[in-house]
Amino acid sequence: GLAARQLSALRQAVESDLGQSWTIARLAAIAGLSPYHFARAFRESMGASPMEWIRLRRMTVAQNLLSQTDRSVADVAAAVGYDSPSQFARVFRRVAGMPPARFRTR
């Protein structure tokens, strides 16, 4: 798995800019590992692939933004790294079990 300092550096980098277009190579560089070793160690440490973890972090932040602000769905999508509100809505529905607008009103 990854060392605590590596996980901390990754969390800080990703959380500080969820809108960034993250790649395995970029994340691996932050951890100081090759992409192959990074992906394997990350899955061992976190129980998910790096991209799955980033997607879940984005959806958690999106849920918070939808429930705690009056920002539009398109605004929330952009804030968490989605260029397309429809793509954001598809991913959100898959993760949360409902579309973003209904999540907000519940």
PDB file of N, CA and C in Angstrom:
ATOM      1  N   GLY A   1       0.810  -1.194   0.000  1.00  0.00           N
ATOM      2  CA  GLY A   1       0.000   0.000   0.000  1.00  0.00           C
ATOM      3  C   GLY A   1       0.851   1.253   0.000  1.00  0.00           C
ATOM      4  N   LEU A   2       0.191   2.367   0.080  1.00  0.00           N
ATOM      5  CA  LEU A   2       0.869   3.659   0.112  1.00  0.00           C
ATOM      6  C   LEU A   2       1.147   4.072   1.552  1.00  0.00           C
ATOM      7  N   ALA A   3       2.214   4.805   1.739  1.00  0.00           N
ATOM      8  CA  ALA A   3       2.553   5.334   3.060  1.00  0.00           C
ATOM      9  C   ALA A   3       1.574   6.448   3.411  1.00  0.00           C
ATOM     10  N   ALA A   4       1.432   6.696   4.688  1.00  0.00           N
ATOM     11  CA  ALA A   4       0.506   7.728   5.159  1.00  0.00           C
ATOM     12  C   ALA A   4       0.832   9.087   4.551  1.00  0.00           C
ATOM     13  N   ARG A   5       2.106   9.418   4.420  1.00  0.00           N
ATOM     14  CA  ARG A   5       2.489  10.716   3.841  1.00  0.00           C
ATOM     15  C   ARG A   5       2.099  10.797   2.368  1.00  0.00           C
ATOM     16  N   GLN A   6       2.190   9.675   1.655  1.00  0.00           N
ATOM     17  CA  GLN A   6       1.787   9.664   0.245  1.00  0.00           C
ATOM     18  C   GLN A   6       0.277   9.870   0.125  1.00  0.00           C
ATOM     19  N   LEU A   7      -0.483   9.157   0.948  1.00  0.00           N
ATOM     20  CA  LEU A   7      -1.942   9.316   0.932  1.00  0.00           C
ATOM     21  C   LEU A   7      -2.341  10.733   1.300  1.00  0.00           C
ATOM     22  N   SER A   8      -1.676  11.291   2.281  1.00  0.00           N
ATOM     23  CA  SER A   8      -1.977  12.654   2.701  1.00  0.00           C
ATOM     24  C   SER A   8      -1.699  13.646   1.570  1.00  0.00           C
ATOM     25  N   ALA A   9      -0.564  13.501   0.909  1.00  0.00           N
ATOM     26  CA  ALA A   9      -0.216  14.395  -0.202  1.00  0.00           C
ATOM     27  C   ALA A   9      -1.232  14.263  -1.338  1.00  0.00           C
ATOM     28  N   LEU A  10      -1.660  13.045  -1.619  1.00  0.00           N
ATOM     29  CA  LEU A  10      -2.649  12.816  -2.683  1.00  0.00           C
ATOM     30  C   LEU A  10      -3.992  13.435  -2.322  1.00  0.00           C
ATOM     31  N   ARG A  11      -4.434  13.190  -1.110  1.00  0.00           N
ATOM     32  CA  ARG A  11      -5.717  13.761  -0.671  1.00  0.00           C
ATOM     33  C   ARG A  11      -5.694  15.281  -0.757  1.00  0.00           C
ATOM     34  N   GLN A  12      -4.622  15.873  -0.269  1.00  0.00           N
ATOM     35  CA  GLN A  12      -4.511  17.329  -0.265  1.00  0.00           C
ATOM     36  C   GLN A  12      -4.526  17.871  -1.695  1.00  0.00           C
ATOM     37  N   ALA A  13      -3.776  17.243  -2.587  1.00  0.00           N
ATOM     38  CA  ALA A  13      -3.713  17.718  -3.972  1.00  0.00           C
ATOM     39  C   ALA A  13      -5.075  17.612  -4.657  1.00  0.00           C
ATOM     40  N   VAL A  14      -5.711  16.477  -4.520  1.00  0.00           N
ATOM     41  CA  VAL A  14      -6.999  16.259  -5.189  1.00  0.00           C
ATOM     42  C   VAL A  14      -8.085  17.134  -4.573  1.00  0.00           C
ATOM     43  N   GLU A  15      -8.146  17.181  -3.259  1.00  0.00           N
ATOM     44  CA  GLU A  15      -9.182  17.971  -2.584  1.00  0.00           C
ATOM     45  C   GLU A  15      -9.040  19.463  -2.884  1.00  0.00           C
ATOM     46  N   SER A  16      -7.806  19.921  -3.074  1.00  0.00           N
ATOM     47  CA  SER A  16      -7.602  21.348  -3.324  1.00  0.00           C
ATOM     48  C   SER A  16      -8.040  21.764  -4.719  1.00  0.00           C
ATOM     49  N   ASP A  17      -8.157  20.801  -5.633  1.00  0.00           N
ATOM     50  CA  ASP A  17      -8.561  21.143  -6.993  1.00  0.00           C
ATOM     51  C   ASP A  17      -9.288  19.978  -7.662  1.00  0.00           C
ATOM     52  N   LEU A  18     -10.504  19.716  -7.212  1.00  0.00           N
ATOM     53  CA  LEU A  18     -11.294  18.627  -7.794  1.00  0.00           C
ATOM     54  C   LEU A  18     -11.622  18.870  -9.256  1.00  0.00           C
ATOM     55  N   GLY A  19     -11.624  20.118  -9.679  1.00  0.00           N
ATOM     56  CA  GLY A  19     -11.933  20.452 -11.062  1.00  0.00           C
ATOM     57  C   GLY A  19     -10.816  20.105 -12.029  1.00  0.00           C
ATOM     58  N   GLN A  20      -9.658  19.785 -11.502  1.00  0.00           N
ATOM     59  CA  GLN A  20      -8.503  19.428 -12.324  1.00  0.00           C
ATOM     60  C   GLN A  20      -8.754  18.136 -13.087  1.00  0.00           C
ATOM     61  N   SER A  21      -8.134  18.005 -14.222  1.00  0.00           N
ATOM     62  CA  SER A  21      -8.200  16.764 -14.992  1.00  0.00           C
ATOM     63  C   SER A  21      -7.078  15.846 -14.489  1.00  0.00           C
ATOM     64  N   TRP A  22      -7.396  14.992 -13.551  1.00  0.00           N
ATOM     65  CA  TRP A  22      -6.403  14.136 -12.921  1.00  0.00           C
ATOM     66  C   TRP A  22      -6.111  12.912 -13.777  1.00  0.00           C
ATOM     67  N   THR A  23      -4.847  12.515 -13.819  1.00  0.00           N
ATOM     68  CA  THR A  23      -4.425  11.310 -14.526  1.00  0.00           C
ATOM     69  C   THR A  23      -3.636  10.430 -13.561  1.00  0.00           C
ATOM     70  N   ILE A  24      -3.559   9.159 -13.898  1.00  0.00           N
ATOM     71  CA  ILE A  24      -2.767   8.229 -13.084  1.00  0.00           C
ATOM     72  C   ILE A  24      -1.314   8.706 -13.040  1.00  0.00           C
ATOM     73  N   ALA A  25      -0.794   9.159 -14.175  1.00  0.00           N
ATOM     74  CA  ALA A  25       0.603   9.603 -14.220  1.00  0.00           C
ATOM     75  C   ALA A  25       0.835  10.791 -13.285  1.00  0.00           C
ATOM     76  N   ARG A  26      -0.090  11.722 -13.266  1.00  0.00           N
ATOM     77  CA  ARG A  26       0.070  12.897 -12.404  1.00  0.00           C
ATOM     78  C   ARG A  26      -0.029  12.509 -10.929  1.00  0.00           C
ATOM     79  N   LEU A  27      -0.983  11.657 -10.599  1.00  0.00           N
ATOM     80  CA  LEU A  27      -1.124  11.195  -9.216  1.00  0.00           C
ATOM     81  C   LEU A  27       0.098  10.391  -8.784  1.00  0.00           C
ATOM     82  N   ALA A  28       0.598   9.545  -9.702  1.00  0.00           N
ATOM     83  CA  ALA A  28       1.776   8.734  -9.397  1.00  0.00           C
ATOM     84  C   ALA A  28       2.984   9.624  -9.115  1.00  0.00           C
ATOM     85  N   ALA A  29       3.109  10.711  -9.861  1.00  0.00           N
ATOM     86  CA  ALA A  29       4.216  11.638  -9.642  1.00  0.00           C
ATOM     87  C   ALA A  29       4.134  12.263  -8.248  1.00  0.00           C
ATOM     88  N   ILE A  30       2.933  12.599  -7.810  1.00  0.00           N
ATOM     89  CA  ILE A  30       2.761  13.159  -6.466  1.00  0.00           C
ATOM     90  C   ILE A  30       3.202  12.145  -5.411  1.00  0.00           C
ATOM     91  N   ALA A  31       2.877  10.875  -5.658  1.00  0.00           N
ATOM     92  CA  ALA A  31       3.242   9.820  -4.703  1.00  0.00           C
ATOM     93  C   ALA A  31       4.693   9.373  -4.859  1.00  0.00           C
ATOM     94  N   GLY A  32       5.345   9.776  -5.966  1.00  0.00           N
ATOM     95  CA  GLY A  32       6.738   9.381  -6.185  1.00  0.00           C
ATOM     96  C   GLY A  32       6.898   7.949  -6.643  1.00  0.00           C
ATOM     97  N   LEU A  33       5.901   7.457  -7.388  1.00  0.00           N
ATOM     98  CA  LEU A  33       5.931   6.072  -7.867  1.00  0.00           C
ATOM     99  C   LEU A  33       5.676   6.030  -9.367  1.00  0.00           C
ATOM    100  N   SER A  34       5.982   4.879  -9.974  1.00  0.00           N
ATOM    101  CA  SER A  34       5.614   4.686 -11.377  1.00  0.00           C
ATOM    102  C   SER A  34       4.097   4.532 -11.441  1.00  0.00           C
ATOM    103  N   PRO A  35       3.481   4.858 -12.578  1.00  0.00           N
ATOM    104  CA  PRO A  35       2.024   4.707 -12.682  1.00  0.00           C
ATOM    105  C   PRO A  35       1.534   3.300 -12.333  1.00  0.00           C
ATOM    106  N   TYR A  36       2.243   2.271 -12.790  1.00  0.00           N
ATOM    107  CA  TYR A  36       1.824   0.895 -12.503  1.00  0.00           C
ATOM    108  C   TYR A  36       1.858   0.613 -11.010  1.00  0.00           C
ATOM    109  N   HIS A  37       2.967   0.921 -10.358  1.00  0.00           N
ATOM    110  CA  HIS A  37       3.086   0.654  -8.918  1.00  0.00           C
ATOM    111  C   HIS A  37       2.118   1.524  -8.113  1.00  0.00           C
ATOM    112  N   PHE A  38       1.947   2.756  -8.572  1.00  0.00           N
ATOM    113  CA  PHE A  38       1.016   3.632  -7.875  1.00  0.00           C
ATOM    114  C   PHE A  38      -0.400   3.066  -7.908  1.00  0.00           C
ATOM    115  N   ALA A  39      -0.882   2.694  -9.089  1.00  0.00           N
ATOM    116  CA  ALA A  39      -2.260   2.193  -9.221  1.00  0.00           C
ATOM    117  C   ALA A  39      -2.479   0.967  -8.342  1.00  0.00           C
ATOM    118  N   ARG A  40      -1.496   0.068  -8.324  1.00  0.00           N
ATOM    119  CA  ARG A  40      -1.616  -1.145  -7.513  1.00  0.00           C
ATOM    120  C   ARG A  40      -1.613  -0.809  -6.020  1.00  0.00           C
ATOM    121  N   ALA A  41      -0.688   0.047  -5.601  1.00  0.00           N
ATOM    122  CA  ALA A  41      -0.583   0.413  -4.181  1.00  0.00           C
ATOM    123  C   ALA A  41      -1.803   1.224  -3.730  1.00  0.00           C
ATOM    124  N   PHE A  42      -2.303   2.078  -4.608  1.00  0.00           N
ATOM    125  CA  PHE A  42      -3.469   2.883  -4.253  1.00  0.00           C
ATOM    126  C   PHE A  42      -4.672   1.981  -4.012  1.00  0.00           C
ATOM    127  N   ARG A  43      -4.911   1.047  -4.913  1.00  0.00           N
ATOM    128  CA  ARG A  43      -6.045   0.126  -4.754  1.00  0.00           C
ATOM    129  C   ARG A  43      -5.908  -0.679  -3.471  1.00  0.00           C
ATOM    130  N   GLU A  44      -4.691  -1.079  -3.160  1.00  0.00           N
ATOM    131  CA  GLU A  44      -4.454  -1.835  -1.929  1.00  0.00           C
ATOM    132  C   GLU A  44      -4.773  -0.978  -0.693  1.00  0.00           C
ATOM    133  N   SER A  45      -4.407   0.284  -0.743  1.00  0.00           N
ATOM    134  CA  SER A  45      -4.623   1.181   0.401  1.00  0.00           C
ATOM    135  C   SER A  45      -6.058   1.648   0.533  1.00  0.00           C
ATOM    136  N   MET A  46      -6.695   1.961  -0.590  1.00  0.00           N
ATOM    137  CA  MET A  46      -7.995   2.621  -0.555  1.00  0.00           C
ATOM    138  C   MET A  46      -9.167   1.708  -0.919  1.00  0.00           C
ATOM    139  N   GLY A  47      -8.900   0.543  -1.468  1.00  0.00           N
ATOM    140  CA  GLY A  47      -9.975  -0.365  -1.840  1.00  0.00           C
ATOM    141  C   GLY A  47     -10.706   0.031  -3.111  1.00  0.00           C
ATOM    142  N   ALA A  48     -10.157   0.968  -3.851  1.00  0.00           N
ATOM    143  CA  ALA A  48     -10.741   1.434  -5.112  1.00  0.00           C
ATOM    144  C   ALA A  48      -9.607   1.940  -5.988  1.00  0.00           C
ATOM    145  N   SER A  49      -9.873   2.027  -7.285  1.00  0.00           N
ATOM    146  CA  SER A  49      -8.864   2.591  -8.178  1.00  0.00           C
ATOM    147  C   SER A  49      -8.768   4.096  -7.930  1.00  0.00           C
ATOM    148  N   PRO A  50      -7.675   4.718  -8.330  1.00  0.00           N
ATOM    149  CA  PRO A  50      -7.557   6.171  -8.142  1.00  0.00           C
ATOM    150  C   PRO A  50      -8.697   6.942  -8.820  1.00  0.00           C
ATOM    151  N   MET A  51      -9.076   6.545 -10.011  1.00  0.00           N
ATOM    152  CA  MET A  51     -10.129   7.260 -10.723  1.00  0.00           C
ATOM    153  C   MET A  51     -11.500   7.051 -10.057  1.00  0.00           C
ATOM    154  N   GLU A  52     -11.757   5.851  -9.554  1.00  0.00           N
ATOM    155  CA  GLU A  52     -13.001   5.614  -8.805  1.00  0.00           C
ATOM    156  C   GLU A  52     -13.039   6.480  -7.559  1.00  0.00           C
ATOM    157  N   TRP A  53     -11.926   6.570  -6.853  1.00  0.00           N
ATOM    158  CA  TRP A  53     -11.855   7.372  -5.641  1.00  0.00           C
ATOM    159  C   TRP A  53     -12.091   8.853  -5.954  1.00  0.00           C
ATOM    160  N   ILE A  54     -11.464   9.347  -7.017  1.00  0.00           N
ATOM    161  CA  ILE A  54     -11.664  10.750  -7.395  1.00  0.00           C
ATOM    162  C   ILE A  54     -13.123  10.991  -7.769  1.00  0.00           C
ATOM    163  N   ARG A  55     -13.718  10.071  -8.521  1.00  0.00           N
ATOM    164  CA  ARG A  55     -15.131  10.215  -8.883  1.00  0.00           C
ATOM    165  C   ARG A  55     -16.011  10.275  -7.643  1.00  0.00           C
ATOM    166  N   LEU A  56     -15.748   9.427  -6.662  1.00  0.00           N
ATOM    167  CA  LEU A  56     -16.536   9.440  -5.427  1.00  0.00           C
ATOM    168  C   LEU A  56     -16.315  10.714  -4.619  1.00  0.00           C
ATOM    169  N   ARG A  57     -15.077  11.210  -4.581  1.00  0.00           N
ATOM    170  CA  ARG A  57     -14.810  12.485  -3.893  1.00  0.00           C
ATOM    171  C   ARG A  57     -15.564  13.611  -4.569  1.00  0.00           C
ATOM    172  N   ARG A  58     -15.549  13.616  -5.911  1.00  0.00           N
ATOM    173  CA  ARG A  58     -16.270  14.653  -6.649  1.00  0.00           C
ATOM    174  C   ARG A  58     -17.765  14.589  -6.337  1.00  0.00           C
ATOM    175  N   MET A  59     -18.310  13.398  -6.271  1.00  0.00           N
ATOM    176  CA  MET A  59     -19.744  13.263  -6.015  1.00  0.00           C
ATOM    177  C   MET A  59     -20.083  13.663  -4.582  1.00  0.00           C
ATOM    178  N   THR A  60     -19.201  13.382  -3.631  1.00  0.00           N
ATOM    179  CA  THR A  60     -19.431  13.798  -2.245  1.00  0.00           C
ATOM    180  C   THR A  60     -19.450  15.313  -2.143  1.00  0.00           C
ATOM    181  N   VAL A  61     -18.495  15.954  -2.779  1.00  0.00           N
ATOM    182  CA  VAL A  61     -18.461  17.421  -2.775  1.00  0.00           C
ATOM    183  C   VAL A  61     -19.676  17.978  -3.503  1.00  0.00           C
ATOM    184  N   ALA A  62     -20.049  17.363  -4.619  1.00  0.00           N
ATOM    185  CA  ALA A  62     -21.228  17.812  -5.372  1.00  0.00           C
ATOM    186  C   ALA A  62     -22.485  17.707  -4.514  1.00  0.00           C
ATOM    187  N   GLN A  63     -22.637  16.620  -3.778  1.00  0.00           N
ATOM    188  CA  GLN A  63     -23.796  16.466  -2.904  1.00  0.00           C
ATOM    189  C   GLN A  63     -23.823  17.572  -1.858  1.00  0.00           C
ATOM    190  N   ASN A  64     -22.675  17.888  -1.294  1.00  0.00           N
ATOM    191  CA  ASN A  64     -22.608  18.975  -0.313  1.00  0.00           C
ATOM    192  C   ASN A  64     -22.983  20.312  -0.942  1.00  0.00           C
ATOM    193  N   LEU A  65     -22.465  20.587  -2.119  1.00  0.00           N
ATOM    194  CA  LEU A  65     -22.780  21.844  -2.802  1.00  0.00           C
ATOM    195  C   LEU A  65     -24.264  21.939  -3.144  1.00  0.00           C
ATOM    196  N   LEU A  66     -24.837  20.827  -3.593  1.00  0.00           N
ATOM    197  CA  LEU A  66     -26.258  20.834  -3.957  1.00  0.00           C
ATOM    198  C   LEU A  66     -27.144  21.039  -2.736  1.00  0.00           C
ATOM    199  N   SER A  67     -26.764  20.463  -1.619  1.00  0.00           N
ATOM    200  CA  SER A  67     -27.619  20.556  -0.437  1.00  0.00           C
ATOM    201  C   SER A  67     -27.374  21.820   0.386  1.00  0.00           C
ATOM    202  N   GLN A  68     -26.200  22.435   0.250  1.00  0.00           N
ATOM    203  CA  GLN A  68     -25.869  23.564   1.107  1.00  0.00           C
ATOM    204  C   GLN A  68     -25.782  24.907   0.389  1.00  0.00           C
ATOM    205  N   THR A  69     -25.900  24.909  -0.940  1.00  0.00           N
ATOM    206  CA  THR A  69     -25.839  26.164  -1.695  1.00  0.00           C
ATOM    207  C   THR A  69     -26.992  26.203  -2.690  1.00  0.00           C
ATOM    208  N   ASP A  70     -27.156  27.347  -3.320  1.00  0.00           N
ATOM    209  CA  ASP A  70     -28.171  27.449  -4.375  1.00  0.00           C
ATOM    210  C   ASP A  70     -27.532  27.525  -5.751  1.00  0.00           C
ATOM    211  N   ARG A  71     -26.281  27.064  -5.868  1.00  0.00           N
ATOM    212  CA  ARG A  71     -25.595  27.041  -7.160  1.00  0.00           C
ATOM    213  C   ARG A  71     -26.334  26.138  -8.131  1.00  0.00           C
ATOM    214  N   SER A  72     -26.322  26.500  -9.397  1.00  0.00           N
ATOM    215  CA  SER A  72     -26.997  25.679 -10.413  1.00  0.00           C
ATOM    216  C   SER A  72     -26.283  24.338 -10.557  1.00  0.00           C
ATOM    217  N   VAL A  73     -26.986  23.366 -11.115  1.00  0.00           N
ATOM    218  CA  VAL A  73     -26.397  22.050 -11.340  1.00  0.00           C
ATOM    219  C   VAL A  73     -25.191  22.185 -12.271  1.00  0.00           C
ATOM    220  N   ALA A  74     -25.290  23.022 -13.288  1.00  0.00           N
ATOM    221  CA  ALA A  74     -24.170  23.229 -14.213  1.00  0.00           C
ATOM    222  C   ALA A  74     -22.969  23.824 -13.478  1.00  0.00           C
ATOM    223  N   ASP A  75     -23.218  24.731 -12.569  1.00  0.00           N
ATOM    224  CA  ASP A  75     -22.161  25.340 -11.762  1.00  0.00           C
ATOM    225  C   ASP A  75     -21.486  24.303 -10.868  1.00  0.00           C
ATOM    226  N   VAL A  76     -22.287  23.472 -10.246  1.00  0.00           N
ATOM    227  CA  VAL A  76     -21.757  22.407  -9.381  1.00  0.00           C
ATOM    228  C   VAL A  76     -20.944  21.430 -10.228  1.00  0.00           C
ATOM    229  N   ALA A  77     -21.466  21.074 -11.394  1.00  0.00           N
ATOM    230  CA  ALA A  77     -20.748  20.157 -12.285  1.00  0.00           C
ATOM    231  C   ALA A  77     -19.367  20.704 -12.620  1.00  0.00           C
ATOM    232  N   ALA A  78     -19.305  21.966 -12.974  1.00  0.00           N
ATOM    233  CA  ALA A  78     -18.030  22.595 -13.319  1.00  0.00           C
ATOM    234  C   ALA A  78     -17.102  22.654 -12.108  1.00  0.00           C
ATOM    235  N   ALA A  79     -17.653  22.919 -10.945  1.00  0.00           N
ATOM    236  CA  ALA A  79     -16.845  23.038  -9.733  1.00  0.00           C
ATOM    237  C   ALA A  79     -16.156  21.729  -9.359  1.00  0.00           C
ATOM    238  N   VAL A  80     -16.774  20.611  -9.718  1.00  0.00           N
ATOM    239  CA  VAL A  80     -16.182  19.316  -9.368  1.00  0.00           C
ATOM    240  C   VAL A  80     -15.540  18.618 -10.564  1.00  0.00           C
ATOM    241  N   GLY A  81     -15.326  19.364 -11.660  1.00  0.00           N
ATOM    242  CA  GLY A  81     -14.515  18.828 -12.739  1.00  0.00           C
ATOM    243  C   GLY A  81     -15.219  18.250 -13.935  1.00  0.00           C
ATOM    244  N   TYR A  82     -16.489  18.536 -14.111  1.00  0.00           N
ATOM    245  CA  TYR A  82     -17.216  18.025 -15.273  1.00  0.00           C
ATOM    246  C   TYR A  82     -17.476  19.163 -16.248  1.00  0.00           C
ATOM    247  N   ASP A  83     -17.066  18.981 -17.499  1.00  0.00           N
ATOM    248  CA  ASP A  83     -17.305  19.983 -18.533  1.00  0.00           C
ATOM    249  C   ASP A  83     -18.755  19.956 -19.008  1.00  0.00           C
ATOM    250  N   SER A  84     -19.362  18.795 -18.899  1.00  0.00           N
ATOM    251  CA  SER A  84     -20.714  18.603 -19.405  1.00  0.00           C
ATOM    252  C   SER A  84     -21.680  18.339 -18.247  1.00  0.00           C
ATOM    253  N   PRO A  85     -22.701  19.197 -18.092  1.00  0.00           N
ATOM    254  CA  PRO A  85     -23.696  18.934 -17.049  1.00  0.00           C
ATOM    255  C   PRO A  85     -24.420  17.599 -17.245  1.00  0.00           C
ATOM    256  N   SER A  86     -24.606  17.182 -18.498  1.00  0.00           N
ATOM    257  CA  SER A  86     -25.301  15.905 -18.721  1.00  0.00           C
ATOM    258  C   SER A  86     -24.423  14.725 -18.292  1.00  0.00           C
ATOM    259  N   GLN A  87     -23.125  14.805 -18.539  1.00  0.00           N
ATOM    260  CA  GLN A  87     -22.227  13.749 -18.070  1.00  0.00           C
ATOM    261  C   GLN A  87     -22.212  13.727 -16.540  1.00  0.00           C
ATOM    262  N   PHE A  88     -22.149  14.903 -15.935  1.00  0.00           N
ATOM    263  CA  PHE A  88     -22.203  15.005 -14.480  1.00  0.00           C
ATOM    264  C   PHE A  88     -23.486  14.364 -13.948  1.00  0.00           C
ATOM    265  N   ALA A  89     -24.611  14.667 -14.568  1.00  0.00           N
ATOM    266  CA  ALA A  89     -25.894  14.128 -14.115  1.00  0.00           C
ATOM    267  C   ALA A  89     -25.928  12.606 -14.218  1.00  0.00           C
ATOM    268  N   ARG A  90     -25.350  12.050 -15.292  1.00  0.00           N
ATOM    269  CA  ARG A  90     -25.309  10.588 -15.438  1.00  0.00           C
ATOM    270  C   ARG A  90     -24.498   9.948 -14.320  1.00  0.00           C
ATOM    271  N   VAL A  91     -23.318  10.504 -14.060  1.00  0.00           N
ATOM    272  CA  VAL A  91     -22.464   9.951 -13.005  1.00  0.00           C
ATOM    273  C   VAL A  91     -23.129  10.140 -11.648  1.00  0.00           C
ATOM    274  N   PHE A  92     -23.688  11.310 -11.415  1.00  0.00           N
ATOM    275  CA  PHE A  92     -24.347  11.596 -10.147  1.00  0.00           C
ATOM    276  C   PHE A  92     -25.488  10.603  -9.906  1.00  0.00           C
ATOM    277  N   ARG A  93     -26.285  10.370 -10.930  1.00  0.00           N
ATOM    278  CA  ARG A  93     -27.414   9.432 -10.792  1.00  0.00           C
ATOM    279  C   ARG A  93     -26.917   8.031 -10.454  1.00  0.00           C
ATOM    280  N   ARG A  94     -25.828   7.621 -11.098  1.00  0.00           N
ATOM    281  CA  ARG A  94     -25.276   6.290 -10.837  1.00  0.00           C
ATOM    282  C   ARG A  94     -24.789   6.179  -9.396  1.00  0.00           C
ATOM    283  N   VAL A  95     -24.167   7.231  -8.882  1.00  0.00           N
ATOM    284  CA  VAL A  95     -23.604   7.199  -7.533  1.00  0.00           C
ATOM    285  C   VAL A  95     -24.677   7.432  -6.468  1.00  0.00           C
ATOM    286  N   ALA A  96     -25.522   8.448  -6.660  1.00  0.00           N
ATOM    287  CA  ALA A  96     -26.486   8.854  -5.624  1.00  0.00           C
ATOM    288  C   ALA A  96     -27.850   8.179  -5.774  1.00  0.00           C
ATOM    289  N   GLY A  97     -28.100   7.568  -6.928  1.00  0.00           N
ATOM    290  CA  GLY A  97     -29.374   6.890  -7.124  1.00  0.00           C
ATOM    291  C   GLY A  97     -30.516   7.805  -7.541  1.00  0.00           C
ATOM    292  N   MET A  98     -30.203   9.067  -7.832  1.00  0.00           N
ATOM    293  CA  MET A  98     -31.220  10.023  -8.276  1.00  0.00           C
ATOM    294  C   MET A  98     -30.518  11.171  -8.989  1.00  0.00           C
ATOM    295  N   PRO A  99     -31.254  11.893  -9.825  1.00  0.00           N
ATOM    296  CA  PRO A  99     -30.636  13.029 -10.506  1.00  0.00           C
ATOM    297  C   PRO A  99     -30.292  14.159  -9.529  1.00  0.00           C
ATOM    298  N   PRO A 100     -29.354  15.027  -9.913  1.00  0.00           N
ATOM    299  CA  PRO A 100     -28.938  16.108  -9.013  1.00  0.00           C
ATOM    300  C   PRO A 100     -30.084  17.021  -8.568  1.00  0.00           C
ATOM    301  N   ALA A 101     -30.989  17.359  -9.457  1.00  0.00           N
ATOM    302  CA  ALA A 101     -32.089  18.264  -9.092  1.00  0.00           C
ATOM    303  C   ALA A 101     -32.991  17.643  -8.028  1.00  0.00           C
ATOM    304  N   ARG A 102     -33.264  16.348  -8.159  1.00  0.00           N
ATOM    305  CA  ARG A 102     -34.109  15.694  -7.156  1.00  0.00           C
ATOM    306  C   ARG A 102     -33.356  15.551  -5.838  1.00  0.00           C
ATOM    307  N   PHE A 103     -32.047  15.286  -5.896  1.00  0.00           N
ATOM    308  CA  PHE A 103     -31.246  15.215  -4.682  1.00  0.00           C
ATOM    309  C   PHE A 103     -31.355  16.513  -3.917  1.00  0.00           C
ATOM    310  N   ARG A 104     -31.300  17.629  -4.633  1.00  0.00           N
ATOM    311  CA  ARG A 104     -31.370  18.936  -3.991  1.00  0.00           C
ATOM    312  C   ARG A 104     -32.702  19.156  -3.294  1.00  0.00           C
ATOM    313  N   THR A 105     -33.789  18.714  -3.883  1.00  0.00           N
ATOM    314  CA  THR A 105     -35.117  18.996  -3.321  1.00  0.00           C
ATOM    315  C   THR A 105     -35.517  18.017  -2.224  1.00  0.00           C
ATOM    316  N   ARG A 106     -34.837  16.920  -2.077  1.00  0.00           N
ATOM    317  CA  ARG A 106     -35.254  15.948  -1.067  1.00  0.00           C
ATOM    318  C   ARG A 106     -34.887  16.340   0.328  1.00  0.00           C
TER     319      ARG A 106
END
